[in-house]
Amino acid sequence: MNSITQNPEPILSKYNLQIIKSQIITKKTIKHELKIEKFPIIIKPQNKNKTQKQQTIICNNIKETYTKISNLLNQNPNIEIIIEEKINYKKKFQITINQNKITNEPKLTFSNKELTRTIEIDKIIGIETIKLQGLTFDFDFTNKEFNNFKTTVKELYKCYTENNLKELNINKLILTKKNKFIIQNYTIITFA
């Protein structure tokens, strides 16, 4: 049996990874759980109806944030609202580390809207720099971007192996304008 965990902060927080801070607010939790360290932030009401486009609201101060959240909760008291810091980014990617069903070796898949690339990972050697260079060649990284990417991927792989995960899926890996990689959304599937 597999266990699926959305945004399992404690697992990833043990590693040298940057993760966008987020929180879920409901009508019950707004008074004692709303903690915002810096602005601007993004408010994302979670629609149960997947056919509707997800609304995104940017707030620049605490008063505006409380007003927007209160209005959303008054309109729909059962809604969950995700609040996260707003990040200025250059590019967004997705990374998945899982097991190749044919070879039983770990593999890493890296993609954006236009491209998808996959490499096999040697269980003994780990992720080789030369393979990562080949993987990212078409993504036009600068040297600094590539070095930061390599550090991020090696930490993700370390998390994958040390926790004996079935799959580690980073739905949004953001390359910031400061050439850093930050994790926004992720899912971890563990062996139970």
Protein backbone atom coordinates (compact mmCIF):
# COMPACT_ATOMS: atom_id res chain seq x y z
CA MET A 1 0.00 0.00 0.00
CA ASN A 2 1.27 3.47 -0.84
CA SER A 3 0.97 6.62 1.19
CA ILE A 4 0.52 9.87 -0.74
CA THR A 5 1.39 13.11 1.00
CA GLN A 6 0.81 16.59 -0.43
CA ASN A 7 3.37 19.18 0.67
CA PRO A 8 4.96 17.11 3.45
CA GLU A 9 7.08 19.94 4.81
CA PRO A 10 8.85 17.91 7.54
CA ILE A 11 10.42 15.46 5.05
CA LEU A 12 11.85 18.07 2.66
CA SER A 13 12.81 20.53 5.41
CA LYS A 14 15.62 18.20 6.52
CA TYR A 15 17.47 18.90 3.29
CA ASN A 16 19.23 21.93 1.84
CA LEU A 17 16.23 22.96 -0.28
CA GLN A 18 14.36 26.22 -0.60
CA ILE A 19 10.61 25.80 -0.30
CA ILE A 20 7.98 28.49 -0.76
CA LYS A 21 6.29 29.08 2.56
CA SER A 22 2.57 28.45 2.37
CA GLN A 23 -0.35 27.87 4.68
CA ILE A 24 -3.94 26.74 4.39
CA ILE A 25 -6.59 28.95 5.95
CA THR A 26 -10.22 28.06 6.63
CA LYS A 27 -13.05 29.85 8.44
CA LYS A 28 -12.07 27.96 11.62
CA THR A 29 -8.35 28.74 11.46
CA ILE A 30 -8.17 32.33 10.21
CA LYS A 31 -8.13 33.96 13.65
CA HIS A 32 -5.24 31.98 15.13
CA GLU A 33 -3.25 30.56 12.20
CA LEU A 34 -2.74 33.41 9.74
CA LYS A 35 1.00 34.14 9.85
CA ILE A 36 2.57 36.29 7.17
CA GLU A 37 6.25 37.18 7.32
CA LYS A 38 6.59 39.33 4.21
CA PHE A 39 4.61 40.80 1.35
CA PRO A 40 3.49 40.55 -1.39
CA ILE A 41 1.61 37.27 -0.99
CA ILE A 42 -0.69 35.23 -3.19
CA ILE A 43 -4.11 34.03 -2.06
CA LYS A 44 -5.48 30.99 -3.89
CA PRO A 45 -9.00 29.84 -3.04
CA GLN A 46 -9.24 26.10 -3.71
CA ASN A 47 -12.13 25.25 -5.99
CA LYS A 48 -13.68 21.83 -5.51
CA ASN A 49 -14.97 22.20 -9.07
CA LYS A 50 -11.87 21.43 -11.18
CA THR A 51 -13.50 22.86 -14.32
CA GLN A 52 -13.39 26.40 -12.90
CA LYS A 53 -10.20 28.38 -13.37
CA GLN A 54 -8.36 28.84 -10.08
CA GLN A 55 -8.51 32.43 -8.87
CA THR A 56 -5.26 34.08 -7.76
CA ILE A 57 -5.23 37.27 -5.68
CA ILE A 58 -2.11 39.27 -4.87
CA CYS A 59 -2.06 41.22 -1.60
CA ASN A 60 0.52 43.78 -0.54
CA ASN A 61 -0.30 44.36 3.14
CA ILE A 62 -2.02 42.76 6.12
CA LYS A 63 -5.22 44.84 5.96
CA GLU A 64 -5.78 43.98 2.30
CA THR A 65 -5.05 40.30 3.05
CA TYR A 66 -7.60 40.06 5.90
CA THR A 67 -10.22 41.86 3.81
CA LYS A 68 -9.77 39.56 0.79
CA ILE A 69 -9.73 36.39 2.88
CA SER A 70 -12.75 37.48 4.92
CA ASN A 71 -14.71 38.24 1.75
CA LEU A 72 -13.85 34.84 0.27
CA LEU A 73 -14.82 33.04 3.47
CA ASN A 74 -18.08 34.97 3.74
CA GLN A 75 -18.96 33.98 0.16
CA ASN A 76 -18.09 30.34 0.80
CA PRO A 77 -17.56 29.35 4.46
CA ASN A 78 -16.34 25.82 3.53
CA ILE A 79 -13.55 26.92 1.21
CA GLU A 80 -9.86 26.33 1.87
CA ILE A 81 -7.48 29.15 0.95
CA ILE A 82 -3.80 28.68 0.24
CA ILE A 83 -1.58 31.62 1.10
CA GLU A 84 2.00 31.74 -0.11
CA GLU A 85 4.74 34.23 -0.73
CA LYS A 86 4.91 35.72 -4.22
CA ILE A 87 8.09 34.84 -6.06
CA ASN A 88 9.42 36.66 -9.11
CA TYR A 89 10.57 33.93 -11.44
CA LYS A 90 12.24 33.39 -14.81
CA LYS A 91 11.10 29.82 -15.53
CA LYS A 92 9.06 26.97 -14.06
CA PHE A 93 9.93 23.29 -14.26
CA GLN A 94 8.80 19.90 -13.01
CA ILE A 95 11.01 17.14 -11.63
CA THR A 96 10.06 13.56 -10.84
CA ILE A 97 12.33 10.98 -9.27
CA ASN A 98 10.96 7.46 -9.32
CA GLN A 99 11.85 3.92 -10.34
CA ASN A 100 12.14 2.74 -13.95
CA LYS A 101 9.65 -0.14 -14.19
CA ILE A 102 11.84 -2.04 -16.67
CA THR A 103 15.33 -1.68 -15.13
CA ASN A 104 14.28 -1.07 -11.50
CA GLU A 105 16.88 1.71 -11.41
CA PRO A 106 15.98 5.20 -10.20
CA LYS A 107 15.31 7.77 -12.92
CA LEU A 108 14.96 11.53 -12.97
CA THR A 109 12.55 13.28 -15.34
CA PHE A 110 12.92 17.02 -15.86
CA SER A 111 10.48 19.09 -17.90
CA ASN A 112 8.90 22.41 -18.72
CA LYS A 113 5.97 23.20 -21.04
CA GLU A 114 8.01 22.48 -24.18
CA LEU A 115 10.54 19.76 -23.26
CA THR A 116 10.81 16.56 -21.24
CA ARG A 117 14.13 14.83 -20.58
CA THR A 118 14.89 11.70 -18.52
CA ILE A 119 18.10 10.16 -17.17
CA GLU A 120 18.78 6.89 -15.37
CA ILE A 121 20.49 7.21 -11.99
CA ASP A 122 23.14 4.71 -10.94
CA LYS A 123 22.28 3.53 -7.41
CA ILE A 124 25.95 3.29 -6.44
CA ILE A 125 27.36 6.42 -8.12
CA GLY A 126 24.28 8.62 -7.71
CA ILE A 127 23.57 11.55 -10.03
CA GLU A 128 26.53 12.24 -12.28
CA THR A 129 27.30 15.84 -13.30
CA ILE A 130 27.84 14.81 -16.94
CA LYS A 131 24.35 13.25 -17.07
CA LEU A 132 22.82 16.39 -15.52
CA GLN A 133 24.60 18.54 -18.12
CA GLY A 134 23.09 16.40 -20.87
CA LEU A 135 19.69 16.52 -19.22
CA THR A 136 19.67 20.33 -19.00
CA PHE A 137 21.45 21.17 -22.28
CA ASP A 138 18.25 22.19 -24.11
CA PHE A 139 17.08 24.32 -21.17
CA ASP A 140 19.86 26.90 -21.69
CA PHE A 141 21.02 27.29 -18.11
CA THR A 142 23.85 29.66 -17.28
CA ASN A 143 26.76 28.19 -15.26
CA LYS A 144 25.34 29.66 -12.04
CA GLU A 145 21.83 28.33 -12.80
CA PHE A 146 23.24 24.88 -13.61
CA ASN A 147 25.30 24.74 -10.39
CA ASN A 148 22.25 25.72 -8.32
CA PHE A 149 20.15 23.17 -10.24
CA LYS A 150 22.75 20.45 -9.58
CA THR A 151 22.74 21.21 -5.84
CA THR A 152 18.92 21.13 -5.73
CA VAL A 153 18.66 17.85 -7.67
CA LYS A 154 21.31 16.14 -5.53
CA GLU A 155 19.41 17.16 -2.37
CA LEU A 156 16.14 15.87 -3.87
CA TYR A 157 17.79 12.56 -4.74
CA LYS A 158 19.25 12.34 -1.23
CA CYS A 159 15.71 12.83 0.15
CA TYR A 160 14.39 10.17 -2.25
CA THR A 161 16.97 7.55 -1.23
CA GLU A 162 17.22 8.27 2.51
CA ASN A 163 13.43 8.08 2.94
CA ASN A 164 13.03 5.03 0.66
CA LEU A 165 10.43 6.87 -1.42
CA LYS A 166 8.52 5.38 -4.31
CA GLU A 167 8.21 8.78 -5.99
CA LEU A 168 9.19 12.38 -5.37
CA ASN A 169 7.34 14.78 -7.66
CA ILE A 170 8.14 18.49 -7.68
CA ASN A 171 5.20 19.95 -9.57
CA LYS A 172 6.69 23.43 -9.65
CA LEU A 173 10.39 24.04 -9.38
CA ILE A 174 10.84 27.76 -9.86
CA LEU A 175 13.99 29.40 -11.19
CA THR A 176 13.99 32.85 -9.60
CA LYS A 177 15.37 36.04 -11.06
CA LYS A 178 18.22 35.63 -8.53
CA ASN A 179 19.15 32.29 -10.21
CA LYS A 180 17.95 30.14 -7.31
CA PHE A 181 15.65 27.14 -7.49
CA ILE A 182 12.66 27.14 -5.14
CA ILE A 183 10.12 24.36 -4.67
CA GLN A 184 6.50 25.46 -4.82
CA ASN A 185 4.27 22.38 -5.08
CA TYR A 186 5.28 18.80 -4.47
CA THR A 187 3.99 15.32 -3.77
CA ILE A 188 5.77 12.46 -2.05
CA ILE A 189 4.66 8.86 -2.45
CA THR A 190 6.14 6.55 0.17
CA PHE A 191 6.22 2.82 0.49
CA ALA A 192 3.97 1.82 3.40
